[in-house]
């Protein structure tokens, strides 16, 4: 495997400790001892809110943009609603007004609002767009608001590679929530029927398994494909190309921020991805225009035995599946030589405070509250999300070892060992769509892989100002 300046050894020990702790007979984390009003760091008064000096009694409404709707029904949305309700109970003079946004345009919309001085007080922004927001001076450091009051022990509880993401001149500008790992989602029941074991060592192993699983379902009559992919340029997730390329050459970008895709390794990675459609027949031809949401819906309906998908989506898949949702599990991407697993692009939502906010202290209170011990427990137990705090993992070791929660352990190991942190020092937004456009150019436009990748590189570099 090629060395990578971006393939960090992700010290998200907050989750990887779960297996060891359970083996040592840790108590179940069923009890919640954290005070509802605890801010999770810094000095707290008796009401449980962080003391911020003047203005504590002033009634304030703060605006927050996120892709989550607290009135929605997904696991993450239900968790957010409970956290907001808890915050309002502990801070009656502060109202959090959530303005849900379309996730894939949220970053662009925030950057535009920053220019017109109409941005929300709190912003959830993807790791793709975070660096651009930081370069534009659109975010406020946490040290000036609440981190100055945190103890070394409190910092250590949240300190990992996500915490370090975007840290500049010793200051921190975000907490990463909805920490995400892309891998292979699969139906444990179908693989067991065929005697297929995971994780797969090589791509050939994966393809062989997908061929076995591509068949007509005997009970429903539905044509089921072995491996779901989605090549639409609309709100895409990474497909086979990124992990295969990163394993071979170590990075997707050059040191100065240019796309580095049309290499020999890139050509082979794109062939691998597309041959699952045109040669092996384990991915349907409709993948060329399928969106990620199409793929998830097909998986829930039983039309895919495996698919490329996000760990954060598993709770929803488990609850909405037309089959036994508890059989939905996750495994790593294999590699060409089987010596290790291929790195997956890790992602998440960087939650920060707008530098132009007139209510920074109130916004800081809520951002701090989003990751306090009780809220972190809600993100895990209700939202099905990887926690921010190491202490949450220790407390909930038994919970994490439940069969339908094993995906969280896979995500944790992926963060720690097989994660690729995309750069934030230069703009990288849009690369997923560029690569899916290359796939379409080959399957529909008839271009060869190298030419299609060169076109994708050009589109990315021009857009990013790297001509």
Protein backbone atom coordinates (compact mmCIF):
# COMPACT_ATOMS: atom_id res chain seq x y z
CA UNK A 1 0.00 0.00 0.00
CA UNK A 2 1.37 3.38 -1.00
CA UNK A 3 2.16 5.86 1.80
CA UNK A 4 -0.27 8.75 2.24
CA UNK A 5 0.15 12.13 3.83
CA UNK A 6 -3.61 12.08 4.38
CA UNK A 7 -4.05 8.54 5.57
CA UNK A 8 -3.91 9.48 9.21
CA UNK A 9 -3.89 6.86 11.93
CA UNK A 10 -7.23 7.96 13.26
CA UNK A 11 -7.10 7.99 17.02
CA UNK A 12 -10.81 7.68 17.39
CA UNK A 13 -10.17 5.38 20.33
CA UNK A 14 -13.50 6.52 21.66
CA UNK A 15 -15.10 3.64 19.85
CA UNK A 16 -12.37 1.11 19.31
CA UNK A 17 -12.13 0.69 23.06
CA UNK A 18 -15.61 -0.85 23.06
CA UNK A 19 -14.56 -4.39 22.27
CA UNK A 20 -11.83 -4.48 24.87
CA UNK A 21 -14.02 -2.94 27.49
CA UNK A 22 -16.79 -5.42 26.87
CA UNK A 23 -14.31 -8.27 27.06
CA UNK A 24 -13.26 -7.01 30.46
CA UNK A 25 -16.84 -7.24 31.68
CA UNK A 26 -17.73 -3.55 31.75
CA UNK A 27 -21.15 -2.68 33.12
CA UNK A 28 -23.90 -1.79 30.73
CA UNK A 29 -24.19 1.87 29.91
CA UNK A 30 -27.92 1.92 30.43
CA UNK A 31 -28.01 4.56 33.14
CA UNK A 32 -27.65 8.21 32.29
CA UNK A 33 -26.12 10.09 35.17
CA UNK A 34 -25.26 13.34 33.40
CA UNK A 35 -27.22 16.36 34.49
CA UNK A 36 -29.60 17.64 31.83
CA UNK A 37 -28.13 21.07 32.15
CA UNK A 38 -24.49 20.08 32.05
CA UNK A 39 -22.63 21.93 29.37
CA UNK A 40 -20.03 19.16 29.20
CA UNK A 41 -17.03 21.38 29.65
CA UNK A 42 -16.10 24.55 31.39
CA UNK A 43 -17.37 25.96 34.65
CA UNK A 44 -21.09 25.52 35.28
CA UNK A 45 -23.46 27.39 37.55
CA UNK A 46 -26.30 25.69 39.43
CA UNK A 47 -28.64 25.94 36.47
CA UNK A 48 -26.15 23.87 34.50
CA UNK A 49 -25.32 26.56 31.95
CA UNK A 50 -21.85 27.85 31.29
CA UNK A 51 -21.28 31.22 32.89
CA UNK A 52 -20.73 33.81 30.15
CA UNK A 53 -20.87 37.04 32.09
CA UNK A 54 -23.26 39.83 31.04
CA UNK A 55 -26.36 39.04 29.06
CA UNK A 56 -27.29 35.76 30.78
CA UNK A 57 -30.85 37.05 31.49
CA UNK A 58 -31.40 38.52 28.04
CA UNK A 59 -33.79 36.57 25.82
CA UNK A 60 -32.02 35.54 22.64
CA UNK A 61 -32.99 33.57 19.55
CA UNK A 62 -30.16 31.90 17.69
CA UNK A 63 -30.47 30.48 14.17
CA UNK A 64 -28.93 27.18 13.12
CA UNK A 65 -28.57 25.72 9.64
CA UNK A 66 -28.33 21.95 9.44
CA UNK A 67 -29.47 19.19 7.11
CA UNK A 68 -31.43 17.69 10.03
CA UNK A 69 -35.03 18.62 10.80
CA UNK A 70 -35.81 18.27 14.53
CA UNK A 71 -39.44 17.63 13.54
CA UNK A 72 -38.36 14.71 11.36
CA UNK A 73 -38.46 11.03 12.18
CA UNK A 74 -34.96 9.77 11.39
CA UNK A 75 -32.85 8.62 14.33
CA UNK A 76 -30.53 11.62 14.10
CA UNK A 77 -33.44 14.06 13.92
CA UNK A 78 -35.13 12.53 16.95
CA UNK A 79 -31.88 12.80 18.90
CA UNK A 80 -31.42 16.43 17.88
CA UNK A 81 -34.97 17.26 19.01
CA UNK A 82 -34.32 15.78 22.45
CA UNK A 83 -31.05 17.68 22.77
CA UNK A 84 -32.69 20.97 21.82
CA UNK A 85 -35.51 20.36 24.30
CA UNK A 86 -32.95 19.65 27.02
CA UNK A 87 -31.08 22.84 26.16
CA UNK A 88 -34.23 24.95 26.27
CA UNK A 89 -35.08 23.51 29.70
CA UNK A 90 -31.63 24.40 31.01
CA UNK A 91 -31.43 27.76 29.21
CA UNK A 92 -34.95 29.28 29.14
CA UNK A 93 -33.70 32.62 27.86
CA UNK A 94 -32.18 31.13 24.69
CA UNK A 95 -34.28 29.81 21.82
CA UNK A 96 -32.67 27.65 19.14
CA UNK A 97 -34.39 28.14 15.80
CA UNK A 98 -33.43 25.37 13.36
CA UNK A 99 -33.70 26.19 9.66
CA UNK A 100 -33.28 22.85 7.83
CA UNK A 101 -31.33 23.02 4.57
CA UNK A 102 -30.63 20.78 1.58
CA UNK A 103 -27.42 19.05 2.61
CA UNK A 104 -25.45 19.24 -0.63
CA UNK A 105 -25.91 23.01 -1.08
CA UNK A 106 -25.56 23.94 2.59
CA UNK A 107 -21.89 24.89 2.38
CA UNK A 108 -22.29 27.02 -0.73
CA UNK A 109 -25.33 28.75 0.74
CA UNK A 110 -23.48 29.51 3.99
CA UNK A 111 -20.50 31.00 2.16
CA UNK A 112 -22.85 33.23 0.17
CA UNK A 113 -24.70 34.25 3.34
CA UNK A 114 -21.38 35.07 4.97
CA UNK A 115 -20.67 37.54 2.18
CA UNK A 116 -24.08 39.21 2.57
CA UNK A 117 -23.82 39.13 6.38
CA UNK A 118 -27.02 37.09 6.66
CA UNK A 119 -25.60 33.75 7.80
CA UNK A 120 -27.02 31.82 10.77
CA UNK A 121 -25.37 31.90 14.18
CA UNK A 122 -24.54 28.17 14.02
CA UNK A 123 -23.61 26.27 10.89
CA UNK A 124 -23.26 22.58 10.07
CA UNK A 125 -20.86 22.35 7.16
CA UNK A 126 -19.32 19.35 5.44
CA UNK A 127 -15.63 18.65 5.77
CA UNK A 128 -15.42 19.34 2.02
CA UNK A 129 -16.44 22.96 2.52
CA UNK A 130 -15.00 23.59 5.98
CA UNK A 131 -11.57 24.68 4.75
CA UNK A 132 -13.07 27.26 2.40
CA UNK A 133 -15.20 28.69 5.21
CA UNK A 134 -12.14 28.91 7.45
CA UNK A 135 -10.09 30.63 4.74
CA UNK A 136 -12.85 33.22 4.33
CA UNK A 137 -12.77 34.00 8.05
CA UNK A 138 -16.37 32.86 8.43
CA UNK A 139 -15.91 30.93 11.68
CA UNK A 140 -15.20 31.88 15.31
CA UNK A 141 -12.71 29.97 17.43
CA UNK A 142 -14.10 28.08 20.42
CA UNK A 143 -11.27 29.13 22.74
CA UNK A 144 -12.64 32.68 22.82
CA UNK A 145 -16.08 31.41 23.88
CA UNK A 146 -15.90 28.34 26.10
CA UNK A 147 -12.80 26.21 25.61
CA UNK A 148 -10.79 28.53 27.81
CA UNK A 149 -12.80 27.14 30.75
CA UNK A 150 -12.30 23.45 29.89
CA UNK A 151 -9.91 21.35 31.93
CA UNK A 152 -7.16 19.23 30.40
CA UNK A 153 -9.23 16.13 31.22
CA UNK A 154 -12.26 17.51 29.40
CA UNK A 155 -10.19 18.30 26.33
CA UNK A 156 -8.66 14.82 26.41
CA UNK A 157 -12.14 13.29 26.37
CA UNK A 158 -12.85 14.78 22.91
CA UNK A 159 -9.30 14.97 21.56
CA UNK A 160 -8.84 12.89 18.40
CA UNK A 161 -8.16 13.41 14.70
CA UNK A 162 -11.60 14.88 14.13
CA UNK A 163 -10.92 17.38 16.92
CA UNK A 164 -7.67 18.29 15.20
CA UNK A 165 -9.37 18.75 11.82
CA UNK A 166 -9.10 22.40 10.84
CA UNK A 167 -7.22 23.41 13.99
CA UNK A 168 -5.28 26.56 13.15
CA UNK A 169 -2.71 28.41 15.24
CA UNK A 170 -3.71 26.40 18.30
CA UNK A 171 -7.38 27.30 17.98
CA UNK A 172 -10.37 25.08 17.22
CA UNK A 173 -13.33 26.04 15.10
CA UNK A 174 -15.56 22.98 14.98
CA UNK A 175 -16.91 19.84 16.60
CA UNK A 176 -17.53 17.02 14.13
CA UNK A 177 -20.95 15.39 14.47
CA UNK A 178 -22.54 12.64 12.35
CA UNK A 179 -19.06 11.20 11.91
CA UNK A 180 -19.28 9.09 8.81
CA UNK A 181 -17.50 6.13 7.29
CA UNK A 182 -18.31 4.79 3.83
CA UNK A 183 -18.01 1.04 3.40
CA UNK A 184 -19.80 -2.03 2.11
CA UNK A 185 -23.27 -2.48 3.58
CA UNK A 186 -24.57 -6.03 3.36
CA UNK A 187 -27.39 -8.33 4.40
CA UNK A 188 -25.97 -10.79 6.88
CA UNK A 189 -28.77 -13.29 6.24
CA UNK A 190 -28.11 -13.53 2.49
CA UNK A 191 -24.37 -13.92 2.90
CA UNK A 192 -24.90 -16.61 5.52
CA UNK A 193 -27.15 -18.57 3.14
CA UNK A 194 -24.30 -18.68 0.60
CA UNK A 195 -21.59 -19.36 3.16
CA UNK A 196 -19.92 -16.03 2.35
CA UNK A 197 -17.65 -14.58 5.02
CA UNK A 198 -16.62 -10.98 5.53
CA UNK A 199 -14.53 -8.90 5.48
CA UNK A 200 -13.39 -9.56 1.93
CA UNK A 201 -9.63 -9.56 1.42
CA UNK A 202 -9.48 -8.69 -2.28
CA UNK A 203 -11.71 -7.04 -4.85
CA UNK A 204 -11.85 -10.40 -6.64
CA UNK A 205 -13.29 -11.92 -3.46
CA UNK A 206 -15.96 -9.22 -3.37
CA UNK A 207 -16.84 -9.71 -7.03
CA UNK A 208 -17.08 -13.50 -6.61
CA UNK A 209 -19.45 -13.04 -3.67
CA UNK A 210 -21.52 -10.47 -5.57
CA UNK A 211 -21.92 -12.93 -8.44
CA UNK A 212 -23.26 -15.56 -6.05
CA UNK A 213 -25.72 -13.04 -4.65
CA UNK A 214 -26.98 -11.80 -8.03
CA UNK A 215 -30.15 -13.82 -8.58
CA UNK A 216 -33.93 -13.82 -8.50
CA UNK A 217 -35.24 -13.92 -4.95
CA UNK A 218 -37.12 -17.22 -4.64
CA UNK A 219 -39.67 -15.84 -2.17
CA UNK A 220 -40.44 -12.47 -3.78
CA UNK A 221 -39.53 -12.98 -7.43
CA UNK A 222 -37.50 -9.77 -7.31
CA UNK A 223 -34.29 -9.58 -9.32
CA UNK A 224 -31.56 -8.95 -6.79
CA UNK A 225 -28.10 -7.67 -7.68
CA UNK A 226 -25.04 -8.46 -5.65
CA UNK A 227 -23.51 -4.99 -5.40
CA UNK A 228 -25.28 -1.64 -5.53
CA UNK A 229 -23.54 1.49 -6.76
CA UNK A 230 -24.76 4.96 -7.79
CA UNK A 231 -23.06 7.05 -10.48
CA UNK A 232 -25.38 10.06 -10.60
CA UNK A 233 -23.65 13.40 -10.15
CA UNK A 234 -26.47 14.46 -7.82
CA UNK A 235 -25.35 14.40 -4.17
CA UNK A 236 -23.01 11.41 -4.65
CA UNK A 237 -21.12 9.30 -2.15
CA UNK A 238 -17.66 7.93 -3.02
CA UNK A 239 -17.88 4.70 -5.01
CA UNK A 240 -15.18 2.07 -5.70
CA UNK A 241 -12.73 4.46 -7.34
CA UNK A 242 -11.51 6.44 -4.27
CA UNK A 243 -10.57 3.52 -1.99
CA UNK A 244 -8.95 1.62 -4.85
CA UNK A 245 -6.95 4.68 -5.94
CA UNK A 246 -5.88 5.72 -2.44
CA UNK A 247 -4.68 2.20 -1.65
CA UNK A 248 -2.58 2.18 -4.83
CA UNK A 249 -1.04 5.66 -4.76
CA UNK A 250 -1.67 7.08 -1.31
CA UNK A 251 -3.63 10.22 -2.13
CA UNK A 252 -6.21 11.68 -4.48
CA UNK A 253 -4.61 15.11 -4.71
CA UNK A 254 -1.18 16.57 -5.29
CA UNK A 255 0.58 18.58 -2.60
CA UNK A 256 -0.60 21.83 -4.19
CA UNK A 257 -4.25 20.74 -4.34
CA UNK A 258 -4.67 19.47 -7.89
CA UNK A 259 -6.70 16.37 -8.72
CA UNK A 260 -4.44 13.39 -9.37
CA UNK A 261 -6.80 10.86 -10.92
CA UNK A 262 -5.71 10.01 -14.48
CA UNK A 263 -2.68 8.02 -13.38
CA UNK A 264 -2.23 4.34 -14.22
CA UNK A 265 -3.61 3.53 -10.77
CA UNK A 266 -6.60 5.76 -11.45
CA UNK A 267 -7.33 4.06 -14.77
CA UNK A 268 -7.27 0.65 -13.10
CA UNK A 269 -9.50 1.88 -10.26
CA UNK A 270 -12.13 3.21 -12.67
CA UNK A 271 -12.04 0.00 -14.70
CA UNK A 272 -12.58 -1.98 -11.51
CA UNK A 273 -15.62 0.10 -10.64
CA UNK A 274 -17.20 0.00 -14.09
CA UNK A 275 -16.44 -3.64 -14.87
CA UNK A 276 -18.84 -4.55 -12.09
CA UNK A 277 -21.50 -3.28 -14.51
CA UNK A 278 -20.21 -4.11 -17.97
CA UNK A 279 -18.25 -7.33 -17.35
CA UNK A 280 -19.41 -9.02 -14.15
CA UNK A 281 -23.03 -7.91 -14.14
CA UNK A 282 -23.20 -7.58 -10.35
CA UNK A 283 -24.20 -3.90 -10.55
CA UNK A 284 -27.17 -3.03 -12.81
CA UNK A 285 -26.79 -0.75 -15.82
CA UNK A 286 -29.24 1.65 -14.16
CA UNK A 287 -26.44 2.58 -11.75
CA UNK A 288 -25.21 5.07 -14.35
CA UNK A 289 -28.09 7.40 -13.47
CA UNK A 290 -28.95 6.19 -9.96
CA UNK A 291 -28.63 8.60 -7.07
CA UNK A 292 -27.42 7.57 -3.64
CA UNK A 293 -31.02 7.74 -2.42
CA UNK A 294 -32.08 5.43 -5.25
CA UNK A 295 -29.47 2.90 -4.12
CA UNK A 296 -30.58 3.06 -0.48
CA UNK A 297 -34.21 2.58 -1.52
CA UNK A 298 -33.29 -0.41 -3.69
CA UNK A 299 -31.35 -1.92 -0.80
CA UNK A 300 -34.27 -1.44 1.61
CA UNK A 301 -36.59 -3.07 -0.93
CA UNK A 302 -34.38 -6.15 -1.15
CA UNK A 303 -33.00 -5.50 -4.64
CA UNK A 304 -29.37 -5.34 -3.49
CA UNK A 305 -27.57 -7.85 -1.31
CA UNK A 306 -24.66 -5.44 -0.81
CA UNK A 307 -24.07 -1.80 -1.63
CA UNK A 308 -21.67 1.05 -1.05
CA UNK A 309 -23.14 3.08 1.78
CA UNK A 310 -22.63 5.27 4.81
CA UNK A 311 -22.52 4.07 8.38
CA UNK A 312 -24.70 6.96 9.52
CA UNK A 313 -27.51 5.65 7.34
CA UNK A 314 -27.63 2.19 8.90
CA UNK A 315 -30.15 2.98 11.69
CA UNK A 316 -32.62 4.19 9.06
CA UNK A 317 -32.01 1.18 6.86
CA UNK A 318 -32.51 -1.16 9.80
CA UNK A 319 -35.84 0.45 10.69
CA UNK A 320 -37.21 0.82 7.15
CA UNK A 321 -36.06 -2.42 5.49
CA UNK A 322 -38.63 -4.73 3.90
CA UNK A 323 -36.69 -7.61 5.49
CA UNK A 324 -35.27 -8.13 8.98
CA UNK A 325 -33.37 -4.86 9.42
CA UNK A 326 -31.12 -6.29 12.09
CA UNK A 327 -29.29 -8.19 9.35
CA UNK A 328 -27.91 -4.93 7.89
CA UNK A 329 -24.20 -4.83 8.67
CA UNK A 330 -21.05 -3.08 7.44
CA UNK A 331 -17.58 -4.15 6.37
CA UNK A 332 -14.43 -2.59 4.93
CA UNK A 333 -13.36 -2.08 1.33
CA UNK A 334 -10.99 -4.83 0.16
CA UNK A 335 -7.78 -4.19 -1.76
CA UNK A 336 -6.04 -5.40 -4.90
CA UNK A 337 -3.45 -7.53 -3.11
CA UNK A 338 -5.36 -8.45 0.05
CA UNK A 339 -2.58 -7.28 2.37
CA UNK A 340 -4.78 -4.67 4.03
CA UNK A 341 -8.13 -2.99 3.56
CA UNK A 342 -8.50 0.00 1.29
CA UNK A 343 -8.87 3.41 2.94
CA UNK A 344 -12.28 5.02 2.87
CA UNK A 345 -12.90 8.75 2.79
CA UNK A 346 -14.04 9.74 6.27
CA UNK A 347 -16.43 12.60 6.62
CA UNK A 348 -18.77 14.30 9.00
CA UNK A 349 -20.45 17.60 9.73
CA UNK A 350 -18.28 20.34 11.18
CA UNK A 351 -20.45 22.37 13.55
CA UNK A 352 -19.18 25.90 14.02
CA UNK A 353 -20.17 29.43 14.95
CA UNK A 354 -20.42 32.20 12.37
CA UNK A 355 -17.86 34.93 12.89
CA UNK A 356 -20.47 37.58 12.10
CA UNK A 357 -22.99 36.37 14.68
CA UNK A 358 -24.38 38.95 17.07
CA UNK A 359 -25.05 36.17 19.59
CA UNK A 360 -21.76 34.31 19.76
CA UNK A 361 -21.96 33.58 23.49
CA UNK A 362 -25.44 32.06 23.22
CA UNK A 363 -24.41 30.13 20.12
CA UNK A 364 -21.33 28.90 21.97
CA UNK A 365 -23.48 27.62 24.81
CA UNK A 366 -25.54 25.52 22.42
CA UNK A 367 -22.58 24.18 20.43
CA UNK A 368 -20.95 23.18 23.71
CA UNK A 369 -24.22 21.59 24.81
CA UNK A 370 -24.39 19.53 21.60
CA UNK A 371 -21.38 17.51 22.75
CA UNK A 372 -21.86 17.44 26.51
CA UNK A 373 -21.96 13.96 28.12
CA UNK A 374 -25.73 13.63 28.07
CA UNK A 375 -26.06 14.86 24.49
CA UNK A 376 -23.27 12.55 23.37
CA UNK A 377 -25.18 9.65 24.90
CA UNK A 378 -28.31 10.68 22.99
CA UNK A 379 -26.39 10.87 19.71
CA UNK A 380 -25.27 7.28 20.35
CA UNK A 381 -28.31 5.58 21.88
CA UNK A 382 -31.09 7.44 20.03
CA UNK A 383 -29.31 8.74 16.93
CA UNK A 384 -27.15 5.68 16.27
CA UNK A 385 -24.11 7.89 15.75
CA UNK A 386 -20.46 7.47 16.66
CA UNK A 387 -19.91 9.40 19.90
CA UNK A 388 -17.52 12.30 20.31
CA UNK A 389 -16.39 11.40 23.82
CA UNK A 390 -14.18 8.52 24.92
CA UNK A 391 -16.09 8.42 28.20
CA UNK A 392 -19.33 7.67 26.34
CA UNK A 393 -17.77 4.58 24.80
CA UNK A 394 -16.53 3.38 28.17
CA UNK A 395 -19.96 3.82 29.70
CA UNK A 396 -21.83 2.16 26.82
CA UNK A 397 -19.56 -0.77 26.04
CA UNK A 398 -22.34 -3.38 26.33
CA UNK A 399 -24.65 -1.29 24.16
CA UNK A 400 -22.01 -1.15 21.43
CA UNK A 401 -21.68 -4.91 21.43
CA UNK A 402 -25.34 -5.55 20.64
CA UNK A 403 -25.66 -7.35 17.25
CA UNK A 404 -27.44 -4.49 15.48
CA UNK A 405 -24.85 -1.99 16.75
CA UNK A 406 -21.77 -3.83 15.47
CA UNK A 407 -21.52 -1.40 12.55
CA UNK A 408 -20.38 1.25 15.04
CA UNK A 409 -17.37 -0.89 15.88
CA UNK A 410 -16.59 -1.30 12.16
CA UNK A 411 -16.79 2.46 11.76
CA UNK A 412 -14.49 2.94 14.74
CA UNK A 413 -11.88 0.57 13.38
CA UNK A 414 -12.20 2.22 9.99
CA UNK A 415 -11.63 5.65 11.52
CA UNK A 416 -8.58 4.35 13.37
CA UNK A 417 -6.93 2.19 10.71
CA UNK A 418 -8.49 2.62 7.27
CA UNK A 419 -9.51 6.26 7.05
CA UNK A 420 -8.56 8.92 4.52
CA UNK A 421 -8.94 12.51 5.73
CA UNK A 422 -9.38 14.76 2.74
CA UNK A 423 -7.40 18.01 2.85
CA UNK A 424 -8.88 21.18 4.30
CA UNK A 425 -5.96 23.43 3.40
CA UNK A 426 -7.36 23.94 -0.14
CA UNK A 427 -10.82 23.64 -1.75
CA UNK A 428 -11.93 20.07 -2.54
CA UNK A 429 -15.68 20.46 -2.91
CA UNK A 430 -17.25 18.72 -5.88
CA UNK A 431 -14.76 15.91 -6.45
CA UNK A 432 -17.38 13.18 -5.96
CA UNK A 433 -19.53 14.59 -8.74
CA UNK A 434 -16.50 14.99 -10.99
CA UNK A 435 -15.61 11.31 -10.56
CA UNK A 436 -19.17 10.16 -11.16
CA UNK A 437 -19.22 12.28 -14.31
CA UNK A 438 -16.13 10.36 -15.44
CA UNK A 439 -18.00 7.09 -14.88
CA UNK A 440 -20.91 8.37 -16.96
CA UNK A 441 -18.57 9.57 -19.69
CA UNK A 442 -17.22 6.04 -20.04
CA UNK A 443 -20.49 4.11 -19.78
CA UNK A 444 -22.64 6.51 -21.81
CA UNK A 445 -20.26 8.77 -23.69
CA UNK A 446 -17.91 6.03 -24.86
CA UNK A 447 -14.73 7.69 -23.61
CA UNK A 448 -11.83 5.57 -22.44
CA UNK A 449 -11.05 5.69 -18.73
CA UNK A 450 -7.96 7.88 -18.94
CA UNK A 451 -9.61 10.50 -21.13
CA UNK A 452 -12.65 10.60 -18.86
CA UNK A 453 -10.47 11.04 -15.78
CA UNK A 454 -8.41 13.77 -17.46
CA UNK A 455 -11.64 15.63 -18.17
CA UNK A 456 -12.72 15.21 -14.55
CA UNK A 457 -9.34 16.48 -13.33
CA UNK A 458 -9.64 19.56 -15.51
CA UNK A 459 -13.13 20.33 -14.23
CA UNK A 460 -12.00 20.03 -10.61
CA UNK A 461 -8.79 22.03 -11.08
CA UNK A 462 -10.49 24.89 -12.93
CA UNK A 463 -13.25 25.13 -10.34
CA UNK A 464 -10.69 25.07 -7.52
CA UNK A 465 -8.48 27.70 -9.13
CA UNK A 466 -5.71 25.18 -9.86
CA UNK A 467 -5.42 25.60 -13.61
